[in-house]
Amino acid sequence: MLYPTLRVNWELVRQMINLLGKAFEPFIQPQQVQYYQAYYQVLWKMFSPEVFPESIG
């Protein structure tokens, strides 16, 4: 709700989500991926270009 008001660059948000995923990789074991992967995918979908294109606002 706050991001549109602040005119956040959605590509920046998507880059932060991508970097967050990469930051987790060195610290998790393959069997632990299942615990964070679903949350990561939901974040990625929530801020996808289909939901928040750069042309909003």
PDB file of N, CA and C in Angstrom:
ATOM      1  N   MET A   1       0.818  -1.192   0.000  1.00  0.00           N
ATOM      2  CA  MET A   1       0.000   0.000   0.000  1.00  0.00           C
ATOM      3  C   MET A   1       0.869   1.266   0.000  1.00  0.00           C
ATOM      4  N   LEU A   2       1.954   1.213   0.682  1.00  0.00           N
ATOM      5  CA  LEU A   2       2.820   2.377   0.804  1.00  0.00           C
ATOM      6  C   LEU A   2       3.682   2.584  -0.448  1.00  0.00           C
ATOM      7  N   TYR A   3       4.072   1.500  -1.100  1.00  0.00           N
ATOM      8  CA  TYR A   3       4.974   1.613  -2.250  1.00  0.00           C
ATOM      9  C   TYR A   3       4.419   2.486  -3.376  1.00  0.00           C
ATOM     10  N   PRO A   4       3.150   2.321  -3.783  1.00  0.00           N
ATOM     11  CA  PRO A   4       2.647   3.194  -4.854  1.00  0.00           C
ATOM     12  C   PRO A   4       2.647   4.670  -4.457  1.00  0.00           C
ATOM     13  N   THR A   5       2.307   4.958  -3.218  1.00  0.00           N
ATOM     14  CA  THR A   5       2.296   6.338  -2.743  1.00  0.00           C
ATOM     15  C   THR A   5       3.693   6.952  -2.826  1.00  0.00           C
ATOM     16  N   LEU A   6       4.696   6.138  -2.533  1.00  0.00           N
ATOM     17  CA  LEU A   6       6.078   6.625  -2.569  1.00  0.00           C
ATOM     18  C   LEU A   6       6.706   6.532  -3.957  1.00  0.00           C
ATOM     19  N   ARG A   7       5.928   6.026  -4.920  1.00  0.00           N
ATOM     20  CA  ARG A   7       6.398   5.859  -6.306  1.00  0.00           C
ATOM     21  C   ARG A   7       7.668   5.007  -6.369  1.00  0.00           C
ATOM     22  N   VAL A   8       7.612   3.884  -5.694  1.00  0.00           N
ATOM     23  CA  VAL A   8       8.734   2.950  -5.675  1.00  0.00           C
ATOM     24  C   VAL A   8       8.936   2.360  -7.063  1.00  0.00           C
ATOM     25  N   ASN A   9      10.164   2.235  -7.476  1.00  0.00           N
ATOM     26  CA  ASN A   9      10.505   1.604  -8.739  1.00  0.00           C
ATOM     27  C   ASN A   9      10.353   0.094  -8.564  1.00  0.00           C
ATOM     28  N   TRP A  10       9.406  -0.503  -9.266  1.00  0.00           N
ATOM     29  CA  TRP A  10       9.101  -1.925  -9.072  1.00  0.00           C
ATOM     30  C   TRP A  10      10.249  -2.822  -9.493  1.00  0.00           C
ATOM     31  N   GLU A  11      11.025  -2.387 -10.460  1.00  0.00           N
ATOM     32  CA  GLU A  11      12.179  -3.193 -10.849  1.00  0.00           C
ATOM     33  C   GLU A  11      13.177  -3.269  -9.697  1.00  0.00           C
ATOM     34  N   LEU A  12      13.312  -2.216  -8.940  1.00  0.00           N
ATOM     35  CA  LEU A  12      14.180  -2.210  -7.765  1.00  0.00           C
ATOM     36  C   LEU A  12      13.684  -3.227  -6.738  1.00  0.00           C
ATOM     37  N   VAL A  13      12.379  -3.286  -6.523  1.00  0.00           N
ATOM     38  CA  VAL A  13      11.806  -4.259  -5.591  1.00  0.00           C
ATOM     39  C   VAL A  13      12.100  -5.676  -6.071  1.00  0.00           C
ATOM     40  N   ARG A  14      11.927  -5.914  -7.368  1.00  0.00           N
ATOM     41  CA  ARG A  14      12.203  -7.252  -7.915  1.00  0.00           C
ATOM     42  C   ARG A  14      13.684  -7.608  -7.788  1.00  0.00           C
ATOM     43  N   GLN A  15      14.551  -6.637  -7.958  1.00  0.00           N
ATOM     44  CA  GLN A  15      15.984  -6.894  -7.772  1.00  0.00           C
ATOM     45  C   GLN A  15      16.289  -7.228  -6.314  1.00  0.00           C
ATOM     46  N   MET A  16      15.637  -6.542  -5.389  1.00  0.00           N
ATOM     47  CA  MET A  16      15.862  -6.831  -3.965  1.00  0.00           C
ATOM     48  C   MET A  16      15.393  -8.244  -3.624  1.00  0.00           C
ATOM     49  N   ILE A  17      14.256  -8.664  -4.185  1.00  0.00           N
ATOM     50  CA  ILE A  17      13.763 -10.022  -3.940  1.00  0.00           C
ATOM     51  C   ILE A  17      14.743 -11.041  -4.513  1.00  0.00           C
ATOM     52  N   ASN A  18      15.242 -10.776  -5.690  1.00  0.00           N
ATOM     53  CA  ASN A  18      16.224 -11.667  -6.311  1.00  0.00           C
ATOM     54  C   ASN A  18      17.485 -11.758  -5.452  1.00  0.00           C
ATOM     55  N   LEU A  19      17.978 -10.636  -4.983  1.00  0.00           N
ATOM     56  CA  LEU A  19      19.176 -10.629  -4.137  1.00  0.00           C
ATOM     57  C   LEU A  19      18.930 -11.329  -2.805  1.00  0.00           C
ATOM     58  N   LEU A  20      17.735 -11.193  -2.277  1.00  0.00           N
ATOM     59  CA  LEU A  20      17.386 -11.885  -1.046  1.00  0.00           C
ATOM     60  C   LEU A  20      17.479 -13.395  -1.238  1.00  0.00           C
ATOM     61  N   GLY A  21      16.948 -13.880  -2.347  1.00  0.00           N
ATOM     62  CA  GLY A  21      17.037 -15.308  -2.660  1.00  0.00           C
ATOM     63  C   GLY A  21      18.477 -15.764  -2.787  1.00  0.00           C
ATOM     64  N   LYS A  22      19.301 -14.970  -3.454  1.00  0.00           N
ATOM     65  CA  LYS A  22      20.718 -15.319  -3.615  1.00  0.00           C
ATOM     66  C   LYS A  22      21.465 -15.273  -2.285  1.00  0.00           C
ATOM     67  N   ALA A  23      21.053 -14.374  -1.401  1.00  0.00           N
ATOM     68  CA  ALA A  23      21.704 -14.272  -0.096  1.00  0.00           C
ATOM     69  C   ALA A  23      21.448 -15.509   0.759  1.00  0.00           C
ATOM     70  N   PHE A  24      20.295 -16.137   0.581  1.00  0.00           N
ATOM     71  CA  PHE A  24      19.969 -17.338   1.343  1.00  0.00           C
ATOM     72  C   PHE A  24      20.733 -18.567   0.855  1.00  0.00           C
ATOM     73  N   GLU A  25      21.005 -18.638  -0.429  1.00  0.00           N
ATOM     74  CA  GLU A  25      21.578 -19.845  -1.036  1.00  0.00           C
ATOM     75  C   GLU A  25      22.809 -20.400  -0.332  1.00  0.00           C
ATOM     76  N   PRO A  26      23.798 -19.578   0.026  1.00  0.00           N
ATOM     77  CA  PRO A  26      25.008 -20.156   0.640  1.00  0.00           C
ATOM     78  C   PRO A  26      24.784 -20.741   2.038  1.00  0.00           C
ATOM     79  N   PHE A  27      23.683 -20.390   2.664  1.00  0.00           N
ATOM     80  CA  PHE A  27      23.472 -20.780   4.054  1.00  0.00           C
ATOM     81  C   PHE A  27      22.491 -21.921   4.262  1.00  0.00           C
ATOM     82  N   ILE A  28      21.912 -22.417   3.197  1.00  0.00           N
ATOM     83  CA  ILE A  28      20.911 -23.472   3.355  1.00  0.00           C
ATOM     84  C   ILE A  28      21.360 -24.772   2.706  1.00  0.00           C
ATOM     85  N   GLN A  29      20.893 -25.829   3.271  1.00  0.00           N
ATOM     86  CA  GLN A  29      21.126 -27.159   2.721  1.00  0.00           C
ATOM     87  C   GLN A  29      20.000 -27.446   1.721  1.00  0.00           C
ATOM     88  N   PRO A  30      20.249 -28.309   0.750  1.00  0.00           N
ATOM     89  CA  PRO A  30      19.203 -28.615  -0.235  1.00  0.00           C
ATOM     90  C   PRO A  30      17.872 -29.045   0.388  1.00  0.00           C
ATOM     91  N   GLN A  31      17.913 -29.767   1.477  1.00  0.00           N
ATOM     92  CA  GLN A  31      16.665 -30.218   2.099  1.00  0.00           C
ATOM     93  C   GLN A  31      15.924 -29.071   2.804  1.00  0.00           C
ATOM     94  N   GLN A  32      16.571 -27.927   2.991  1.00  0.00           N
ATOM     95  CA  GLN A  32      15.932 -26.782   3.635  1.00  0.00           C
ATOM     96  C   GLN A  32      15.237 -25.849   2.646  1.00  0.00           C
ATOM     97  N   VAL A  33      15.499 -26.025   1.371  1.00  0.00           N
ATOM     98  CA  VAL A  33      14.924 -25.154   0.350  1.00  0.00           C
ATOM     99  C   VAL A  33      13.404 -25.121   0.442  1.00  0.00           C
ATOM    100  N   GLN A  34      12.814 -26.254   0.732  1.00  0.00           N
ATOM    101  CA  GLN A  34      11.353 -26.328   0.797  1.00  0.00           C
ATOM    102  C   GLN A  34      10.754 -25.360   1.810  1.00  0.00           C
ATOM    103  N   TYR A  35      11.506 -24.975   2.820  1.00  0.00           N
ATOM    104  CA  TYR A  35      10.979 -24.110   3.865  1.00  0.00           C
ATOM    105  C   TYR A  35      10.916 -22.640   3.462  1.00  0.00           C
ATOM    106  N   TYR A  36      11.754 -22.209   2.567  1.00  0.00           N
ATOM    107  CA  TYR A  36      11.710 -20.812   2.173  1.00  0.00           C
ATOM    108  C   TYR A  36      11.278 -20.600   0.728  1.00  0.00           C
ATOM    109  N   GLN A  37      11.357 -21.614  -0.094  1.00  0.00           N
ATOM    110  CA  GLN A  37      11.055 -21.470  -1.516  1.00  0.00           C
ATOM    111  C   GLN A  37       9.627 -20.984  -1.768  1.00  0.00           C
ATOM    112  N   ALA A  38       8.663 -21.506  -1.041  1.00  0.00           N
ATOM    113  CA  ALA A  38       7.275 -21.085  -1.244  1.00  0.00           C
ATOM    114  C   ALA A  38       7.103 -19.591  -0.946  1.00  0.00           C
ATOM    115  N   TYR A  39       7.725 -19.104   0.116  1.00  0.00           N
ATOM    116  CA  TYR A  39       7.630 -17.681   0.463  1.00  0.00           C
ATOM    117  C   TYR A  39       8.314 -16.811  -0.587  1.00  0.00           C
ATOM    118  N   TYR A  40       9.445 -17.274  -1.066  1.00  0.00           N
ATOM    119  CA  TYR A  40      10.181 -16.546  -2.102  1.00  0.00           C
ATOM    120  C   TYR A  40       9.349 -16.455  -3.378  1.00  0.00           C
ATOM    121  N   GLN A  41       8.741 -17.552  -3.771  1.00  0.00           N
ATOM    122  CA  GLN A  41       7.926 -17.562  -4.986  1.00  0.00           C
ATOM    123  C   GLN A  41       6.712 -16.643  -4.860  1.00  0.00           C
ATOM    124  N   VAL A  42       6.093 -16.618  -3.694  1.00  0.00           N
ATOM    125  CA  VAL A  42       4.941 -15.742  -3.487  1.00  0.00           C
ATOM    126  C   VAL A  42       5.373 -14.280  -3.568  1.00  0.00           C
ATOM    127  N   LEU A  43       6.485 -13.940  -2.958  1.00  0.00           N
ATOM    128  CA  LEU A  43       6.989 -12.567  -3.060  1.00  0.00           C
ATOM    129  C   LEU A  43       7.248 -12.195  -4.514  1.00  0.00           C
ATOM    130  N   TRP A  44       7.870 -13.111  -5.234  1.00  0.00           N
ATOM    131  CA  TRP A  44       8.189 -12.856  -6.633  1.00  0.00           C
ATOM    132  C   TRP A  44       6.910 -12.622  -7.434  1.00  0.00           C
ATOM    133  N   LYS A  45       5.876 -13.430  -7.190  1.00  0.00           N
ATOM    134  CA  LYS A  45       4.603 -13.274  -7.905  1.00  0.00           C
ATOM    135  C   LYS A  45       3.889 -11.992  -7.495  1.00  0.00           C
ATOM    136  N   MET A  46       3.958 -11.645  -6.218  1.00  0.00           N
ATOM    137  CA  MET A  46       3.290 -10.434  -5.731  1.00  0.00           C
ATOM    138  C   MET A  46       3.816  -9.174  -6.418  1.00  0.00           C
ATOM    139  N   PHE A  47       5.108  -9.142  -6.697  1.00  0.00           N
ATOM    140  CA  PHE A  47       5.728  -7.963  -7.280  1.00  0.00           C
ATOM    141  C   PHE A  47       6.140  -8.169  -8.726  1.00  0.00           C
ATOM    142  N   SER A  48       5.506  -9.114  -9.396  1.00  0.00           N
ATOM    143  CA  SER A  48       5.832  -9.419 -10.783  1.00  0.00           C
ATOM    144  C   SER A  48       5.420  -8.256 -11.696  1.00  0.00           C
ATOM    145  N   PRO A  49       6.000  -8.185 -12.875  1.00  0.00           N
ATOM    146  CA  PRO A  49       5.604  -7.134 -13.826  1.00  0.00           C
ATOM    147  C   PRO A  49       4.124  -7.205 -14.218  1.00  0.00           C
ATOM    148  N   GLU A  50       3.527  -8.383 -14.142  1.00  0.00           N
ATOM    149  CA  GLU A  50       2.111  -8.523 -14.450  1.00  0.00           C
ATOM    150  C   GLU A  50       1.250  -7.817 -13.395  1.00  0.00           C
ATOM    151  N   VAL A  51       1.704  -7.826 -12.158  1.00  0.00           N
ATOM    152  CA  VAL A  51       0.946  -7.198 -11.074  1.00  0.00           C
ATOM    153  C   VAL A  51       1.308  -5.717 -10.956  1.00  0.00           C
ATOM    154  N   PHE A  52       2.592  -5.399 -11.018  1.00  0.00           N
ATOM    155  CA  PHE A  52       3.060  -4.028 -10.875  1.00  0.00           C
ATOM    156  C   PHE A  52       3.949  -3.640 -12.051  1.00  0.00           C
ATOM    157  N   PRO A  53       3.336  -3.302 -13.167  1.00  0.00           N
ATOM    158  CA  PRO A  53       4.165  -2.826 -14.288  1.00  0.00           C
ATOM    159  C   PRO A  53       4.764  -1.457 -13.964  1.00  0.00           C
ATOM    160  N   GLU A  54       5.831  -1.139 -14.598  1.00  0.00           N
ATOM    161  CA  GLU A  54       6.510   0.136 -14.344  1.00  0.00           C
ATOM    162  C   GLU A  54       5.649   1.332 -14.724  1.00  0.00           C
ATOM    163  N   SER A  55       4.651   1.122 -15.555  1.00  0.00           N
ATOM    164  CA  SER A  55       3.858   2.255 -16.038  1.00  0.00           C
ATOM    165  C   SER A  55       2.764   2.698 -15.075  1.00  0.00           C
ATOM    166  N   ILE A  56       2.649   2.052 -13.905  1.00  0.00           N
ATOM    167  CA  ILE A  56       1.627   2.461 -12.940  1.00  0.00           C
ATOM    168  C   ILE A  56       1.952   3.848 -12.396  1.00  0.00           C
ATOM    169  N   GLY A  57       0.924   4.639 -12.261  1.00  0.00           N
ATOM    170  CA  GLY A  57       1.001   5.890 -11.554  1.00  0.00           C
ATOM    171  C   GLY A  57       1.733   6.993 -12.150  1.00  0.00           C
TER     172      GLY A  57
END
